Amino acid sequence: MNGPGDLPWGPARDDLVAPPVASGLRGWPAPVLAAPIDPGLADTAAFCDRYRVELADSANCVVIAGRRGDALTYAACVVLATTRADVNTVVRKRLGARRASFAPMQDAVTLTGMEFGGITPVGLPAQWPLLVDAAVLAREVVVIGSGLRRSKLAVCGADLATLPSAEVIEALAR
């Protein structure tokens, strides 16, 4: 597997990923590449522009908070950077929530142990559903976060379906 764009891809190493991601990678048999980046360019549009990665080859992982009465449920969604997760319909229904929204930044960072702008589907809390848009699986290679703003990971899109708690959902994104 080769990583896309103008990046010095190499084997994923613990110094290029957040601690929960390193733990998740140790138990995951899929091949994973990592590359250091300028942390000021971690946001998807700036990253893709600077490192010549197509938006369709980049995926975002967002943390969603669903609420029903006093119960609060978290989940993560992985969608291509060219789309947006359908939080108000698809994700809300999947969580059985009355309301669903993006989790507050501080909650997402604290609960995942990852940096905002680097949250990734690898190494998330085991009890969270991981909802993956089917379109992500169709990508030969997709760039995702590393848990840190200073690096990115490249994985085969289909391998994301093998992560713990992963559920592939058609039309998760619009």
C-alpha atoms as a PDB file:
ATOM      1  CA  MET A   1       0.000   0.000   0.000  1.00  0.00           C
ATOM      2  CA  ASN A   2       1.213   3.476  -0.866  1.00  0.00           C
ATOM      3  CA  GLY A   3      -0.036   6.605   0.826  1.00  0.00           C
ATOM      4  CA  PRO A   4      -1.477   9.413  -1.291  1.00  0.00           C
ATOM      5  CA  GLY A   5      -0.121  12.896  -1.835  1.00  0.00           C
ATOM      6  CA  ASP A   6       3.234  14.479  -1.103  1.00  0.00           C
ATOM      7  CA  LEU A   7       4.000  12.926   2.276  1.00  0.00           C
ATOM      8  CA  PRO A   8       6.869  10.813   3.629  1.00  0.00           C
ATOM      9  CA  TRP A   9       4.721   7.747   4.396  1.00  0.00           C
ATOM     10  CA  GLY A  10       6.235   4.977   6.478  1.00  0.00           C
ATOM     11  CA  PRO A  11       5.175   2.376   9.023  1.00  0.00           C
ATOM     12  CA  ALA A  12       2.972   3.728  11.820  1.00  0.00           C
ATOM     13  CA  ARG A  13       5.106   4.261  14.914  1.00  0.00           C
ATOM     14  CA  ASP A  14       4.058   5.080  18.469  1.00  0.00           C
ATOM     15  CA  ASP A  15       5.723   8.509  18.269  1.00  0.00           C
ATOM     16  CA  LEU A  16       3.385   9.480  15.406  1.00  0.00           C
ATOM     17  CA  VAL A  17       0.099   8.512  17.095  1.00  0.00           C
ATOM     18  CA  ALA A  18      -1.780   9.284  20.315  1.00  0.00           C
ATOM     19  CA  PRO A  19      -1.529   6.607  23.054  1.00  0.00           C
ATOM     20  CA  PRO A  20      -5.066   5.197  22.513  1.00  0.00           C
ATOM     21  CA  VAL A  21      -4.335   4.931  18.780  1.00  0.00           C
ATOM     22  CA  ALA A  22      -1.074   3.079  19.464  1.00  0.00           C
ATOM     23  CA  SER A  23      -3.048   0.598  21.580  1.00  0.00           C
ATOM     24  CA  GLY A  24      -5.669   0.190  18.851  1.00  0.00           C
ATOM     25  CA  LEU A  25      -3.041  -0.375  16.188  1.00  0.00           C
ATOM     26  CA  ARG A  26      -1.377  -3.145  18.206  1.00  0.00           C
ATOM     27  CA  GLY A  27      -4.560  -5.202  18.058  1.00  0.00           C
ATOM     28  CA  TRP A  28      -5.482  -4.434  14.461  1.00  0.00           C
ATOM     29  CA  PRO A  29      -3.957  -6.609  11.713  1.00  0.00           C
ATOM     30  CA  ALA A  30      -4.538  -4.135   8.860  1.00  0.00           C
ATOM     31  CA  PRO A  31      -1.541  -2.395   7.273  1.00  0.00           C
ATOM     32  CA  VAL A  32      -1.241   1.238   8.388  1.00  0.00           C
ATOM     33  CA  LEU A  33       1.105   3.965   7.183  1.00  0.00           C
ATOM     34  CA  ALA A  34       1.869   7.216   9.006  1.00  0.00           C
ATOM     35  CA  ALA A  35       3.375  10.542   7.995  1.00  0.00           C
ATOM     36  CA  PRO A  36       4.301  13.636   9.978  1.00  0.00           C
ATOM     37  CA  ILE A  37       2.589  16.881   8.967  1.00  0.00           C
ATOM     38  CA  ASP A  38       2.610  20.519   9.995  1.00  0.00           C
ATOM     39  CA  PRO A  39       0.124  20.621  12.926  1.00  0.00           C
ATOM     40  CA  GLY A  40      -1.136  23.971  11.669  1.00  0.00           C
ATOM     41  CA  LEU A  41      -2.362  22.133   8.558  1.00  0.00           C
ATOM     42  CA  ALA A  42      -4.246  19.315  10.321  1.00  0.00           C
ATOM     43  CA  ASP A  43      -7.686  20.572   9.280  1.00  0.00           C
ATOM     44  CA  THR A  44      -8.843  18.676   6.219  1.00  0.00           C
ATOM     45  CA  ALA A  45      -9.018  21.406   3.573  1.00  0.00           C
ATOM     46  CA  ALA A  46      -5.627  22.907   4.476  1.00  0.00           C
ATOM     47  CA  PHE A  47      -4.053  19.450   4.766  1.00  0.00           C
ATOM     48  CA  CYS A  48      -5.353  18.269   1.395  1.00  0.00           C
ATOM     49  CA  ASP A  49      -4.294  21.478  -0.341  1.00  0.00           C
ATOM     50  CA  ARG A  50      -0.752  21.543   1.070  1.00  0.00           C
ATOM     51  CA  TYR A  51       0.011  17.827   0.763  1.00  0.00           C
ATOM     52  CA  ARG A  52      -1.854  17.244  -2.531  1.00  0.00           C
ATOM     53  CA  VAL A  53      -4.273  14.689  -1.199  1.00  0.00           C
ATOM     54  CA  GLU A  54      -7.646  14.527  -2.942  1.00  0.00           C
ATOM     55  CA  LEU A  55     -10.554  15.349  -0.618  1.00  0.00           C
ATOM     56  CA  ALA A  56     -12.148  12.058  -1.707  1.00  0.00           C
ATOM     57  CA  ASP A  57      -9.076  10.232  -0.338  1.00  0.00           C
ATOM     58  CA  SER A  58      -9.465  11.829   3.088  1.00  0.00           C
ATOM     59  CA  ALA A  59     -11.965  10.807   5.757  1.00  0.00           C
ATOM     60  CA  ASN A  60     -13.106  12.674   8.839  1.00  0.00           C
ATOM     61  CA  CYS A  61     -13.990  11.082  12.162  1.00  0.00           C
ATOM     62  CA  VAL A  62     -16.477  13.053  14.222  1.00  0.00           C
ATOM     63  CA  VAL A  63     -17.760  12.377  17.726  1.00  0.00           C
ATOM     64  CA  ILE A  64     -21.526  12.563  18.152  1.00  0.00           C
ATOM     65  CA  ALA A  65     -23.471  12.927  21.396  1.00  0.00           C
ATOM     66  CA  GLY A  66     -27.002  11.535  21.402  1.00  0.00           C
ATOM     67  CA  ARG A  67     -29.437  12.397  24.163  1.00  0.00           C
ATOM     68  CA  ARG A  68     -32.692  10.751  25.176  1.00  0.00           C
ATOM     69  CA  GLY A  69     -33.998  12.066  28.484  1.00  0.00           C
ATOM     70  CA  ASP A  70     -31.105  11.969  30.935  1.00  0.00           C
ATOM     71  CA  ALA A  71     -29.219   9.313  28.959  1.00  0.00           C
ATOM     72  CA  LEU A  72     -26.231  10.482  26.940  1.00  0.00           C
ATOM     73  CA  THR A  73     -24.711   8.176  24.311  1.00  0.00           C
ATOM     74  CA  TYR A  74     -21.561   8.790  22.285  1.00  0.00           C
ATOM     75  CA  ALA A  75     -20.654   7.427  18.886  1.00  0.00           C
ATOM     76  CA  ALA A  76     -18.089   8.179  16.209  1.00  0.00           C
ATOM     77  CA  CYS A  77     -18.826   8.588  12.513  1.00  0.00           C
ATOM     78  CA  VAL A  78     -16.358   8.226   9.652  1.00  0.00           C
ATOM     79  CA  VAL A  79     -17.277   9.946   6.395  1.00  0.00           C
ATOM     80  CA  LEU A  80     -15.356  11.082   3.355  1.00  0.00           C
ATOM     81  CA  ALA A  81     -14.159  14.687   3.478  1.00  0.00           C
ATOM     82  CA  THR A  82     -16.364  15.446   0.473  1.00  0.00           C
ATOM     83  CA  THR A  83     -19.496  14.679   2.547  1.00  0.00           C
ATOM     84  CA  ARG A  84     -21.095  15.371   5.913  1.00  0.00           C
ATOM     85  CA  ALA A  85     -22.533  12.885   8.390  1.00  0.00           C
ATOM     86  CA  ASP A  86     -26.336  12.905   8.532  1.00  0.00           C
ATOM     87  CA  VAL A  87     -26.421  13.496  12.279  1.00  0.00           C
ATOM     88  CA  ASN A  88     -30.039  14.620  12.602  1.00  0.00           C
ATOM     89  CA  THR A  89     -31.597  11.635  10.850  1.00  0.00           C
ATOM     90  CA  VAL A  90     -29.351   8.588  10.337  1.00  0.00           C
ATOM     91  CA  VAL A  91     -27.098   8.911  13.395  1.00  0.00           C
ATOM     92  CA  ARG A  92     -29.881  10.078  15.726  1.00  0.00           C
ATOM     93  CA  LYS A  93     -32.056   7.087  14.787  1.00  0.00           C
ATOM     94  CA  ARG A  94     -29.157   4.620  15.092  1.00  0.00           C
ATOM     95  CA  LEU A  95     -28.458   5.896  18.623  1.00  0.00           C
ATOM     96  CA  GLY A  96     -32.133   5.856  19.574  1.00  0.00           C
ATOM     97  CA  ALA A  97     -31.765   9.484  20.617  1.00  0.00           C
ATOM     98  CA  ARG A  98     -34.251  12.323  20.577  1.00  0.00           C
ATOM     99  CA  ARG A  99     -31.435  14.743  19.812  1.00  0.00           C
ATOM    100  CA  ALA A 100     -27.983  14.216  18.352  1.00  0.00           C
ATOM    101  CA  SER A 101     -25.247  16.735  17.717  1.00  0.00           C
ATOM    102  CA  PHE A 102     -21.514  17.022  17.444  1.00  0.00           C
ATOM    103  CA  ALA A 103     -20.016  16.465  20.883  1.00  0.00           C
ATOM    104  CA  PRO A 104     -18.457  19.549  22.486  1.00  0.00           C
ATOM    105  CA  MET A 105     -14.758  19.763  21.626  1.00  0.00           C
ATOM    106  CA  GLN A 106     -13.604  19.327  25.245  1.00  0.00           C
ATOM    107  CA  ASP A 107     -15.771  16.226  25.692  1.00  0.00           C
ATOM    108  CA  ALA A 108     -14.479  14.680  22.446  1.00  0.00           C
ATOM    109  CA  VAL A 109     -10.856  15.316  23.433  1.00  0.00           C
ATOM    110  CA  THR A 110     -11.236  14.104  27.017  1.00  0.00           C
ATOM    111  CA  LEU A 111     -13.231  10.979  26.171  1.00  0.00           C
ATOM    112  CA  THR A 112     -11.016   9.859  23.270  1.00  0.00           C
ATOM    113  CA  GLY A 113      -7.591  10.839  24.641  1.00  0.00           C
ATOM    114  CA  MET A 114      -6.904  12.394  21.226  1.00  0.00           C
ATOM    115  CA  GLU A 115      -6.269  15.932  20.027  1.00  0.00           C
ATOM    116  CA  PHE A 116      -9.052  17.923  18.400  1.00  0.00           C
ATOM    117  CA  GLY A 117      -8.392  17.865  14.669  1.00  0.00           C
ATOM    118  CA  GLY A 118      -6.721  14.470  14.933  1.00  0.00           C
ATOM    119  CA  ILE A 119      -9.540  12.253  16.229  1.00  0.00           C
ATOM    120  CA  THR A 120      -9.529   8.950  14.404  1.00  0.00           C
ATOM    121  CA  PRO A 121     -11.572   5.731  14.406  1.00  0.00           C
ATOM    122  CA  VAL A 122      -8.612   3.654  15.653  1.00  0.00           C
ATOM    123  CA  GLY A 123      -8.439   3.442  19.451  1.00  0.00           C
ATOM    124  CA  LEU A 124     -11.844   4.900  20.311  1.00  0.00           C
ATOM    125  CA  PRO A 125     -13.625   3.844  23.514  1.00  0.00           C
ATOM    126  CA  ALA A 126     -14.743   0.222  23.041  1.00  0.00           C
ATOM    127  CA  GLN A 127     -18.353   0.840  24.065  1.00  0.00           C
ATOM    128  CA  TRP A 128     -18.944   3.475  21.369  1.00  0.00           C
ATOM    129  CA  PRO A 129     -20.597   2.520  18.100  1.00  0.00           C
ATOM    130  CA  LEU A 130     -18.295   3.333  15.176  1.00  0.00           C
ATOM    131  CA  LEU A 131     -20.492   4.239  12.225  1.00  0.00           C
ATOM    132  CA  VAL A 132     -18.647   4.105   8.890  1.00  0.00           C
ATOM    133  CA  ASP A 133     -20.205   5.422   5.708  1.00  0.00           C
ATOM    134  CA  ALA A 134     -20.139   2.720   3.016  1.00  0.00           C
ATOM    135  CA  ALA A 135     -18.499   5.153   0.583  1.00  0.00           C
ATOM    136  CA  VAL A 136     -15.363   5.206   2.768  1.00  0.00           C
ATOM    137  CA  LEU A 137     -14.910   1.461   2.247  1.00  0.00           C
ATOM    138  CA  ALA A 138     -14.825   1.936  -1.514  1.00  0.00           C
ATOM    139  CA  ARG A 139     -11.622   4.017  -1.333  1.00  0.00           C
ATOM    140  CA  GLU A 140      -8.466   2.043  -2.026  1.00  0.00           C
ATOM    141  CA  VAL A 141      -6.536   4.183   0.473  1.00  0.00           C
ATOM    142  CA  VAL A 142      -7.991   6.786   2.789  1.00  0.00           C
ATOM    143  CA  VAL A 143      -6.188   9.299   5.000  1.00  0.00           C
ATOM    144  CA  ILE A 144      -7.464   9.549   8.585  1.00  0.00           C
ATOM    145  CA  GLY A 145      -6.274  11.231  11.757  1.00  0.00           C
ATOM    146  CA  SER A 146      -3.630   9.786  14.036  1.00  0.00           C
ATOM    147  CA  GLY A 147      -4.993  11.083  17.315  1.00  0.00           C
ATOM    148  CA  LEU A 148      -2.483  13.935  17.008  1.00  0.00           C
ATOM    149  CA  ARG A 149      -2.554  17.085  14.904  1.00  0.00           C
ATOM    150  CA  ARG A 150       1.053  16.527  13.795  1.00  0.00           C
ATOM    151  CA  SER A 151       0.558  13.370  11.741  1.00  0.00           C
ATOM    152  CA  LYS A 152      -1.888  11.407   9.571  1.00  0.00           C
ATOM    153  CA  LEU A 153      -2.529   7.733   8.904  1.00  0.00           C
ATOM    154  CA  ALA A 154      -3.225   6.008   5.582  1.00  0.00           C
ATOM    155  CA  VAL A 155      -5.286   2.809   5.554  1.00  0.00           C
ATOM    156  CA  CYS A 156      -7.242   0.740   3.067  1.00  0.00           C
ATOM    157  CA  GLY A 157     -10.806   2.066   3.229  1.00  0.00           C
ATOM    158  CA  ALA A 158     -12.296  -1.423   3.546  1.00  0.00           C
ATOM    159  CA  ASP A 159     -10.108  -2.167   6.583  1.00  0.00           C
ATOM    160  CA  LEU A 160     -12.078   0.374   8.629  1.00  0.00           C
ATOM    161  CA  ALA A 161     -14.981  -2.080   8.658  1.00  0.00           C
ATOM    162  CA  THR A 162     -12.813  -4.484  10.699  1.00  0.00           C
ATOM    163  CA  LEU A 163     -12.332  -2.088  13.614  1.00  0.00           C
ATOM    164  CA  PRO A 164     -14.018  -3.006  16.906  1.00  0.00           C
ATOM    165  CA  SER A 165     -17.629  -1.733  17.083  1.00  0.00           C
ATOM    166  CA  ALA A 166     -17.597  -0.777  13.370  1.00  0.00           C
ATOM    167  CA  GLU A 167     -20.955  -0.718  11.595  1.00  0.00           C
ATOM    168  CA  VAL A 168     -21.057   0.047   7.893  1.00  0.00           C
ATOM    169  CA  ILE A 169     -24.025   2.263   7.056  1.00  0.00           C
ATOM    170  CA  GLU A 170     -25.257   3.104   3.579  1.00  0.00           C
ATOM    171  CA  ALA A 171     -25.990   6.811   3.173  1.00  0.00           C
ATOM    172  CA  LEU A 172     -24.555   7.772   6.563  1.00  0.00           C
ATOM    173  CA  ALA A 173     -23.256  10.852   4.796  1.00  0.00           C
ATOM    174  CA  ARG A 174     -24.730  13.332   2.363  1.00  0.00           C
END
